[in-house]
Amino acid sequence: MSVVVRMGDPFEPAAAVLLKQSHALMETLFPPEDNFFLDLDALTAPHISFFIAEKDGQTLGTAALADKSTYGEIKSMFVMPDARGLGVGAALLARLEKEARAKGYTAMRLETGNKLEAAIGLYTRAGFTNCDRFGDYPDAKSSLFMEKLLT
């Protein structure tokens, strides 16, 4: 069976476990002032679309798309370590792009950590390129900003 990506709730038990794993990883890799992940409550805000990737009934990844008016910002993208390399991240990104296009965004943007080489590779393969800092992010040494134009 292939990876299925559906809209979900960050408080679904399996999704919450993955999000907490993601937060713990970010806290080990980056200083507190360079961590910009959203907590579970923030991921339920009306301007956030939250997605869960599953295969054979097992939750393997999560991702969210924040409505920033003209663009969508990717948040909370995380794939279970054992599921990396199985196409889960690519399936999540494809679903986020479908959502962004349906909402009429001109671009998708993201902030990621400069030590997350696998994630950066995934985004690059999906057509994202480096861009300038955007939104209200501070000038953090470990941040890398990427964008994919949708027009």
N, C-alpha and C. Protein backbone atom coordinates (compact mmCIF):
# COMPACT_ATOMS: atom_id res chain seq x y z
N MET A 1 0.85 -1.19 0.00
CA MET A 1 0.00 0.00 0.00
C MET A 1 0.89 1.25 0.00
N SER A 2 0.44 2.29 -0.69
CA SER A 2 1.23 3.51 -0.78
C SER A 2 0.92 4.44 0.40
N VAL A 3 1.69 5.51 0.46
CA VAL A 3 1.51 6.51 1.52
C VAL A 3 0.24 7.30 1.22
N VAL A 4 -0.60 7.46 2.24
CA VAL A 4 -1.82 8.24 2.15
C VAL A 4 -1.65 9.45 3.05
N VAL A 5 -1.96 10.63 2.52
CA VAL A 5 -1.88 11.85 3.31
C VAL A 5 -3.29 12.40 3.46
N ARG A 6 -3.69 12.63 4.70
CA ARG A 6 -5.03 13.13 4.98
C ARG A 6 -4.95 14.30 5.95
N MET A 7 -6.01 15.11 5.94
CA MET A 7 -6.10 16.17 6.94
C MET A 7 -6.31 15.49 8.30
N GLY A 8 -5.74 16.08 9.33
CA GLY A 8 -5.85 15.48 10.64
C GLY A 8 -5.76 16.51 11.74
N ASP A 9 -5.56 16.03 12.93
CA ASP A 9 -5.50 16.84 14.13
C ASP A 9 -4.19 16.54 14.85
N PRO A 10 -3.44 17.57 15.22
CA PRO A 10 -2.16 17.31 15.89
C PRO A 10 -2.32 16.59 17.23
N PHE A 11 -3.52 16.59 17.78
CA PHE A 11 -3.74 15.90 19.05
C PHE A 11 -4.10 14.43 18.89
N GLU A 12 -4.22 13.96 17.63
CA GLU A 12 -4.39 12.52 17.44
C GLU A 12 -3.16 11.87 18.08
N PRO A 13 -3.34 10.82 18.87
CA PRO A 13 -2.21 10.29 19.65
C PRO A 13 -0.93 10.02 18.85
N ALA A 14 -1.02 9.36 17.72
CA ALA A 14 0.19 9.04 16.96
C ALA A 14 0.84 10.30 16.39
N ALA A 15 0.02 11.26 15.96
CA ALA A 15 0.57 12.52 15.44
C ALA A 15 1.25 13.29 16.56
N ALA A 16 0.62 13.33 17.73
CA ALA A 16 1.20 14.05 18.87
C ALA A 16 2.55 13.46 19.25
N VAL A 17 2.67 12.14 19.20
CA VAL A 17 3.96 11.49 19.52
C VAL A 17 5.03 11.94 18.53
N LEU A 18 4.69 11.96 17.24
CA LEU A 18 5.67 12.40 16.23
C LEU A 18 6.06 13.86 16.42
N LEU A 19 5.08 14.69 16.69
CA LEU A 19 5.38 16.12 16.90
C LEU A 19 6.30 16.31 18.10
N LYS A 20 6.06 15.57 19.16
CA LYS A 20 6.93 15.68 20.34
C LYS A 20 8.34 15.17 20.03
N GLN A 21 8.44 14.12 19.21
CA GLN A 21 9.77 13.65 18.78
C GLN A 21 10.49 14.72 17.97
N SER A 22 9.74 15.37 17.08
CA SER A 22 10.31 16.44 16.27
C SER A 22 10.82 17.58 17.15
N HIS A 23 10.01 18.00 18.10
CA HIS A 23 10.40 19.09 18.99
C HIS A 23 11.65 18.71 19.79
N ALA A 24 11.68 17.48 20.29
CA ALA A 24 12.84 17.03 21.06
C ALA A 24 14.10 17.04 20.20
N LEU A 25 13.98 16.60 18.95
CA LEU A 25 15.14 16.61 18.05
C LEU A 25 15.63 18.04 17.83
N MET A 26 14.71 18.96 17.54
CA MET A 26 15.10 20.35 17.31
C MET A 26 15.80 20.94 18.54
N GLU A 27 15.33 20.56 19.72
CA GLU A 27 15.94 21.08 20.95
C GLU A 27 17.34 20.54 21.16
N THR A 28 17.66 19.35 20.61
CA THR A 28 19.02 18.82 20.73
C THR A 28 19.95 19.42 19.69
N LEU A 29 19.40 19.85 18.55
CA LEU A 29 20.24 20.34 17.45
C LEU A 29 20.49 21.84 17.46
N PHE A 30 19.53 22.61 18.01
CA PHE A 30 19.60 24.06 17.89
C PHE A 30 19.37 24.74 19.23
N PRO A 31 19.96 25.92 19.42
CA PRO A 31 19.74 26.65 20.67
C PRO A 31 18.27 27.08 20.77
N PRO A 32 17.78 27.26 21.99
CA PRO A 32 16.36 27.60 22.19
C PRO A 32 15.89 28.79 21.35
N GLU A 33 16.74 29.80 21.23
CA GLU A 33 16.33 30.99 20.49
C GLU A 33 16.22 30.75 18.98
N ASP A 34 16.71 29.60 18.51
CA ASP A 34 16.64 29.27 17.09
C ASP A 34 15.58 28.21 16.79
N ASN A 35 14.75 27.87 17.76
CA ASN A 35 13.68 26.90 17.55
C ASN A 35 12.36 27.65 17.36
N PHE A 36 11.76 27.44 16.19
CA PHE A 36 10.54 28.18 15.84
C PHE A 36 9.36 27.24 15.58
N PHE A 37 9.43 26.02 16.12
CA PHE A 37 8.33 25.08 15.89
C PHE A 37 7.08 25.53 16.65
N LEU A 38 5.93 25.12 16.13
CA LEU A 38 4.65 25.43 16.76
C LEU A 38 4.26 24.31 17.70
N ASP A 39 3.72 24.66 18.88
CA ASP A 39 3.24 23.61 19.77
C ASP A 39 1.92 23.07 19.24
N LEU A 40 1.42 22.00 19.85
CA LEU A 40 0.21 21.35 19.35
C LEU A 40 -0.99 22.29 19.34
N ASP A 41 -1.13 23.11 20.37
CA ASP A 41 -2.25 24.06 20.39
C ASP A 41 -2.18 25.02 19.21
N ALA A 42 -0.99 25.53 18.91
CA ALA A 42 -0.84 26.48 17.81
C ALA A 42 -1.17 25.83 16.47
N LEU A 43 -0.93 24.52 16.36
CA LEU A 43 -1.20 23.81 15.11
C LEU A 43 -2.70 23.59 14.87
N THR A 44 -3.53 23.93 15.85
CA THR A 44 -4.98 23.81 15.66
C THR A 44 -5.63 25.15 15.31
N ALA A 45 -4.84 26.19 15.16
CA ALA A 45 -5.36 27.52 14.84
C ALA A 45 -6.11 27.48 13.49
N PRO A 46 -7.08 28.34 13.32
CA PRO A 46 -7.89 28.33 12.08
C PRO A 46 -7.09 28.54 10.80
N HIS A 47 -5.95 29.23 10.88
CA HIS A 47 -5.17 29.49 9.66
C HIS A 47 -4.16 28.37 9.35
N ILE A 48 -4.23 27.27 10.08
CA ILE A 48 -3.32 26.15 9.88
C ILE A 48 -4.08 24.95 9.32
N SER A 49 -3.55 24.37 8.25
CA SER A 49 -4.05 23.10 7.72
C SER A 49 -3.04 22.04 8.12
N PHE A 50 -3.49 21.02 8.86
CA PHE A 50 -2.59 20.01 9.40
C PHE A 50 -2.83 18.68 8.69
N PHE A 51 -1.74 18.00 8.33
CA PHE A 51 -1.82 16.76 7.57
C PHE A 51 -1.03 15.64 8.25
N ILE A 52 -1.53 14.43 8.05
CA ILE A 52 -0.91 13.23 8.60
C ILE A 52 -0.67 12.26 7.46
N ALA A 53 0.54 11.71 7.39
CA ALA A 53 0.88 10.69 6.39
C ALA A 53 0.83 9.33 7.05
N GLU A 54 0.18 8.39 6.38
CA GLU A 54 0.04 7.04 6.91
C GLU A 54 0.35 6.01 5.83
N LYS A 55 0.78 4.87 6.28
CA LYS A 55 0.97 3.73 5.39
C LYS A 55 0.58 2.49 6.19
N ASP A 56 -0.29 1.71 5.61
CA ASP A 56 -0.78 0.49 6.27
C ASP A 56 -1.32 0.79 7.66
N GLY A 57 -1.99 1.93 7.80
CA GLY A 57 -2.61 2.29 9.07
C GLY A 57 -1.67 2.88 10.11
N GLN A 58 -0.39 3.00 9.80
CA GLN A 58 0.58 3.54 10.75
C GLN A 58 0.89 4.99 10.40
N THR A 59 0.86 5.87 11.39
CA THR A 59 1.21 7.27 11.19
C THR A 59 2.72 7.39 11.05
N LEU A 60 3.16 7.95 9.92
CA LEU A 60 4.59 8.03 9.62
C LEU A 60 5.12 9.45 9.54
N GLY A 61 4.23 10.43 9.39
CA GLY A 61 4.71 11.79 9.26
C GLY A 61 3.61 12.81 9.43
N THR A 62 4.03 14.05 9.66
CA THR A 62 3.10 15.16 9.82
C THR A 62 3.65 16.38 9.09
N ALA A 63 2.75 17.26 8.74
CA ALA A 63 3.14 18.54 8.15
C ALA A 63 1.96 19.49 8.25
N ALA A 64 2.26 20.77 8.27
CA ALA A 64 1.20 21.78 8.35
C ALA A 64 1.51 22.89 7.36
N LEU A 65 0.44 23.54 6.94
CA LEU A 65 0.56 24.68 6.04
C LEU A 65 -0.15 25.85 6.69
N ALA A 66 0.61 26.91 6.97
CA ALA A 66 0.06 28.11 7.59
C ALA A 66 -0.32 29.11 6.51
N ASP A 67 -1.52 29.66 6.61
CA ASP A 67 -2.00 30.66 5.67
C ASP A 67 -1.36 32.00 6.00
N LYS A 68 -0.54 32.49 5.08
CA LYS A 68 0.13 33.78 5.24
C LYS A 68 -0.36 34.77 4.19
N SER A 69 -1.60 34.64 3.79
CA SER A 69 -2.28 35.51 2.83
C SER A 69 -1.89 35.17 1.40
N THR A 70 -0.73 35.60 0.94
CA THR A 70 -0.33 35.34 -0.44
C THR A 70 0.52 34.09 -0.60
N TYR A 71 1.03 33.56 0.49
CA TYR A 71 1.84 32.34 0.43
C TYR A 71 1.47 31.43 1.58
N GLY A 72 1.84 30.17 1.43
CA GLY A 72 1.67 29.20 2.50
C GLY A 72 3.02 28.87 3.10
N GLU A 73 3.08 28.83 4.42
CA GLU A 73 4.33 28.49 5.09
C GLU A 73 4.26 27.06 5.63
N ILE A 74 5.24 26.26 5.26
CA ILE A 74 5.31 24.89 5.74
C ILE A 74 5.81 24.90 7.17
N LYS A 75 5.07 24.20 8.04
CA LYS A 75 5.41 24.10 9.46
C LYS A 75 5.34 22.63 9.88
N SER A 76 6.09 22.27 10.88
CA SER A 76 5.97 20.96 11.54
C SER A 76 6.08 19.78 10.59
N MET A 77 6.97 19.88 9.63
CA MET A 77 7.22 18.76 8.71
C MET A 77 8.15 17.79 9.42
N PHE A 78 7.68 16.56 9.62
CA PHE A 78 8.49 15.57 10.31
C PHE A 78 8.08 14.18 9.85
N VAL A 79 9.08 13.34 9.59
CA VAL A 79 8.85 11.95 9.22
C VAL A 79 9.54 11.06 10.25
N MET A 80 8.82 10.04 10.70
CA MET A 80 9.38 9.08 11.65
C MET A 80 10.73 8.58 11.11
N PRO A 81 11.77 8.55 11.94
CA PRO A 81 13.09 8.14 11.44
C PRO A 81 13.08 6.81 10.70
N ASP A 82 12.35 5.81 11.18
CA ASP A 82 12.32 4.50 10.52
C ASP A 82 11.64 4.54 9.15
N ALA A 83 10.88 5.60 8.87
CA ALA A 83 10.14 5.69 7.61
C ALA A 83 10.83 6.59 6.59
N ARG A 84 11.97 7.12 6.93
CA ARG A 84 12.67 8.00 5.98
C ARG A 84 13.18 7.19 4.80
N GLY A 85 13.07 7.77 3.62
CA GLY A 85 13.47 7.08 2.40
C GLY A 85 12.34 6.28 1.76
N LEU A 86 11.14 6.32 2.35
CA LEU A 86 10.00 5.58 1.83
C LEU A 86 9.03 6.45 1.03
N GLY A 87 9.38 7.72 0.82
CA GLY A 87 8.51 8.60 0.07
C GLY A 87 7.49 9.36 0.90
N VAL A 88 7.59 9.26 2.21
CA VAL A 88 6.63 9.93 3.10
C VAL A 88 6.77 11.44 3.00
N GLY A 89 7.99 11.93 3.08
CA GLY A 89 8.22 13.38 2.99
C GLY A 89 7.75 13.94 1.65
N ALA A 90 8.04 13.23 0.57
CA ALA A 90 7.61 13.68 -0.76
C ALA A 90 6.09 13.70 -0.86
N ALA A 91 5.43 12.70 -0.27
CA ALA A 91 3.96 12.66 -0.29
C ALA A 91 3.38 13.81 0.50
N LEU A 92 3.96 14.11 1.65
CA LEU A 92 3.50 15.25 2.44
C LEU A 92 3.68 16.56 1.67
N LEU A 93 4.84 16.75 1.08
CA LEU A 93 5.10 17.99 0.32
C LEU A 93 4.13 18.12 -0.86
N ALA A 94 3.86 17.02 -1.55
CA ALA A 94 2.93 17.07 -2.67
C ALA A 94 1.53 17.47 -2.20
N ARG A 95 1.12 16.96 -1.05
CA ARG A 95 -0.20 17.31 -0.51
C ARG A 95 -0.25 18.77 -0.07
N LEU A 96 0.84 19.26 0.52
CA LEU A 96 0.91 20.66 0.91
C LEU A 96 0.84 21.56 -0.32
N GLU A 97 1.54 21.17 -1.38
CA GLU A 97 1.51 21.97 -2.59
C GLU A 97 0.11 21.98 -3.20
N LYS A 98 -0.55 20.84 -3.20
CA LYS A 98 -1.93 20.78 -3.72
C LYS A 98 -2.83 21.73 -2.93
N GLU A 99 -2.68 21.74 -1.61
CA GLU A 99 -3.46 22.63 -0.75
C GLU A 99 -3.13 24.09 -1.05
N ALA A 100 -1.85 24.39 -1.19
CA ALA A 100 -1.42 25.77 -1.47
C ALA A 100 -1.98 26.26 -2.80
N ARG A 101 -1.93 25.42 -3.80
CA ARG A 101 -2.47 25.81 -5.11
C ARG A 101 -3.98 26.01 -5.03
N ALA A 102 -4.67 25.13 -4.30
CA ALA A 102 -6.13 25.25 -4.16
C ALA A 102 -6.51 26.55 -3.46
N LYS A 103 -5.66 27.02 -2.57
CA LYS A 103 -5.92 28.27 -1.85
C LYS A 103 -5.46 29.50 -2.63
N GLY A 104 -4.84 29.29 -3.78
CA GLY A 104 -4.43 30.40 -4.62
C GLY A 104 -3.15 31.09 -4.20
N TYR A 105 -2.33 30.42 -3.40
CA TYR A 105 -1.06 31.03 -2.99
C TYR A 105 -0.13 31.16 -4.19
N THR A 106 0.70 32.18 -4.18
CA THR A 106 1.68 32.36 -5.24
C THR A 106 2.99 31.64 -4.94
N ALA A 107 3.16 31.22 -3.67
CA ALA A 107 4.41 30.55 -3.28
C ALA A 107 4.19 29.74 -2.01
N MET A 108 5.13 28.84 -1.78
CA MET A 108 5.24 28.14 -0.50
C MET A 108 6.61 28.50 0.05
N ARG A 109 6.68 28.76 1.34
CA ARG A 109 7.94 29.12 1.98
C ARG A 109 8.13 28.27 3.23
N LEU A 110 9.37 28.22 3.68
CA LEU A 110 9.67 27.48 4.91
C LEU A 110 10.95 27.99 5.54
N GLU A 111 11.04 27.76 6.82
CA GLU A 111 12.27 27.98 7.58
C GLU A 111 12.66 26.61 8.11
N THR A 112 13.91 26.26 7.94
CA THR A 112 14.39 24.99 8.46
C THR A 112 15.77 25.20 9.06
N GLY A 113 16.24 24.22 9.79
CA GLY A 113 17.55 24.31 10.41
C GLY A 113 18.64 23.90 9.44
N ASN A 114 19.74 24.60 9.49
CA ASN A 114 20.85 24.34 8.56
C ASN A 114 21.52 22.99 8.78
N LYS A 115 21.24 22.31 9.88
CA LYS A 115 21.81 20.98 10.14
C LYS A 115 20.92 19.85 9.63
N LEU A 116 19.75 20.18 9.12
CA LEU A 116 18.79 19.17 8.69
C LEU A 116 19.00 18.85 7.20
N GLU A 117 20.13 18.19 6.92
CA GLU A 117 20.55 17.96 5.54
C GLU A 117 19.55 17.14 4.74
N ALA A 118 18.97 16.11 5.33
CA ALA A 118 18.00 15.28 4.60
C ALA A 118 16.76 16.10 4.23
N ALA A 119 16.30 16.92 5.15
CA ALA A 119 15.13 17.77 4.87
C ALA A 119 15.46 18.78 3.77
N ILE A 120 16.63 19.39 3.84
CA ILE A 120 17.03 20.37 2.83
C ILE A 120 17.10 19.69 1.46
N GLY A 121 17.62 18.47 1.42
CA GLY A 121 17.67 17.72 0.17
C GLY A 121 16.28 17.44 -0.38
N LEU A 122 15.36 17.06 0.49
CA LEU A 122 13.97 16.81 0.09
C LEU A 122 13.34 18.06 -0.50
N TYR A 123 13.50 19.18 0.18
CA TYR A 123 12.92 20.43 -0.30
C TYR A 123 13.53 20.84 -1.64
N THR A 124 14.84 20.67 -1.78
CA THR A 124 15.51 21.02 -3.03
C THR A 124 15.00 20.16 -4.18
N ARG A 125 14.87 18.86 -3.94
CA ARG A 125 14.35 17.96 -4.99
C ARG A 125 12.92 18.33 -5.37
N ALA A 126 12.17 18.90 -4.44
CA ALA A 126 10.78 19.28 -4.70
C ALA A 126 10.67 20.65 -5.37
N GLY A 127 11.80 21.30 -5.64
CA GLY A 127 11.78 22.57 -6.36
C GLY A 127 11.94 23.82 -5.51
N PHE A 128 12.25 23.65 -4.24
CA PHE A 128 12.48 24.81 -3.38
C PHE A 128 13.89 25.32 -3.59
N THR A 129 14.04 26.64 -3.49
CA THR A 129 15.35 27.27 -3.58
C THR A 129 15.53 28.19 -2.37
N ASN A 130 16.78 28.51 -2.07
CA ASN A 130 17.06 29.41 -0.95
C ASN A 130 16.45 30.78 -1.23
N CYS A 131 16.00 31.44 -0.18
CA CYS A 131 15.45 32.78 -0.30
C CYS A 131 15.84 33.59 0.93
N ASP A 132 15.49 34.86 0.90
CA ASP A 132 15.76 35.74 2.03
C ASP A 132 14.83 35.42 3.20
N ARG A 133 15.23 35.82 4.36
CA ARG A 133 14.40 35.70 5.56
C ARG A 133 13.06 36.36 5.29
N PHE A 134 12.00 35.80 5.83
CA PHE A 134 10.66 36.35 5.61
C PHE A 134 9.88 36.34 6.92
N GLY A 135 8.70 36.94 6.87
CA GLY A 135 7.84 36.96 8.05
C GLY A 135 8.49 37.68 9.21
N ASP A 136 8.22 37.17 10.41
CA ASP A 136 8.78 37.80 11.60
C ASP A 136 9.92 37.00 12.22
N TYR A 137 10.58 36.17 11.40
CA TYR A 137 11.71 35.40 11.91
C TYR A 137 12.87 36.33 12.24
N PRO A 138 13.53 36.08 13.37
CA PRO A 138 14.72 36.87 13.68
C PRO A 138 15.90 36.38 12.82
N ASP A 139 16.97 37.09 12.87
CA ASP A 139 18.18 36.72 12.15
C ASP A 139 18.91 35.65 12.95
N ALA A 140 18.54 34.38 12.74
CA ALA A 140 19.12 33.26 13.49
C ALA A 140 20.19 32.58 12.65
N LYS A 141 21.34 32.30 13.26
CA LYS A 141 22.47 31.70 12.55
C LYS A 141 22.13 30.35 11.93
N SER A 142 21.28 29.59 12.60
CA SER A 142 21.01 28.23 12.14
C SER A 142 19.82 28.13 11.19
N SER A 143 19.18 29.24 10.87
CA SER A 143 18.01 29.19 9.99
C SER A 143 18.40 29.23 8.52
N LEU A 144 17.69 28.44 7.74
CA LEU A 144 17.78 28.45 6.30
C LEU A 144 16.36 28.68 5.79
N PHE A 145 16.20 29.60 4.86
CA PHE A 145 14.88 29.93 4.33
C PHE A 145 14.80 29.47 2.88
N MET A 146 13.66 28.86 2.53
CA MET A 146 13.48 28.32 1.19
C MET A 146 12.09 28.70 0.68
N GLU A 147 11.97 28.69 -0.65
CA GLU A 147 10.73 29.10 -1.28
C GLU A 147 10.53 28.32 -2.58
N LYS A 148 9.27 28.06 -2.91
CA LYS A 148 8.89 27.50 -4.20
C LYS A 148 7.78 28.35 -4.77
N LEU A 149 8.03 28.95 -5.92
CA LEU A 149 7.01 29.77 -6.57
C LEU A 149 5.98 28.85 -7.23
N LEU A 150 4.71 29.22 -7.13
CA LEU A 150 3.64 28.39 -7.66
C LEU A 150 2.96 28.99 -8.88
N THR A 151 3.48 30.09 -9.38
CA THR A 151 2.84 30.74 -10.53
C THR A 151 3.55 30.42 -11.83
